[in-house]
Amino acid sequence: MIETIKEISTSDTFLVRYPVLRAGKPLESCRFKGDDLATTKHFGLFVDKNLVGVISAFENKSDSFIENRQFQIRGMAVLSSEQGKGFGEKLLGFVEDYVRNQKGDLIWFNARSIAVVFYEKYGYTITGNAFEIPEVGTHYIMYKTLDNSFHVCL
């Protein structure tokens, strides 16, 4: 089994976003605000050339935070048949490294209530109260401050 993570197109994300995040809704509902910004990168996790997970990140400042370089994660999903295999953790770690390389200070996102425990395992914290996204469900804003300090080893 060969696992790889690489950049993909917006439309490629629909192959995972649709069945996991938007099943039963119009396919166009898989296109999220920010998907086509110049700062947006979409990444896919492939197992033996099959796309099984996706995550998108873009530079986006939230008024909830004071950090200068903020990145938002959108549309993270792993096919239900592939969940529980560590692919979500790999996608999250990959994007954290990407944001660090972009000199990002903070990652934030709107997490579905059912995913909060997953994100908490990787150091993300809830801020504020729960809120509803119509036709999607209860969400929380979650965030993580990144350590971008430069370490010199002598």
Foldseek 3Di string as FASTA:
>chain_A
DDKDKDWDAQLVLLVFLCVFQNDPHDSVVSDDPPRPDPFKTKMFIDDVNHTFWIKMKGFDDDPVDDFDTEMEIPRTGGHPVCPPVCPSVVNVVVVLVVCLVVVHFKYKYKAAPVCVVVVVVVPKDFDDDWDADPPGGITTIIMDTDDNDDDDDD
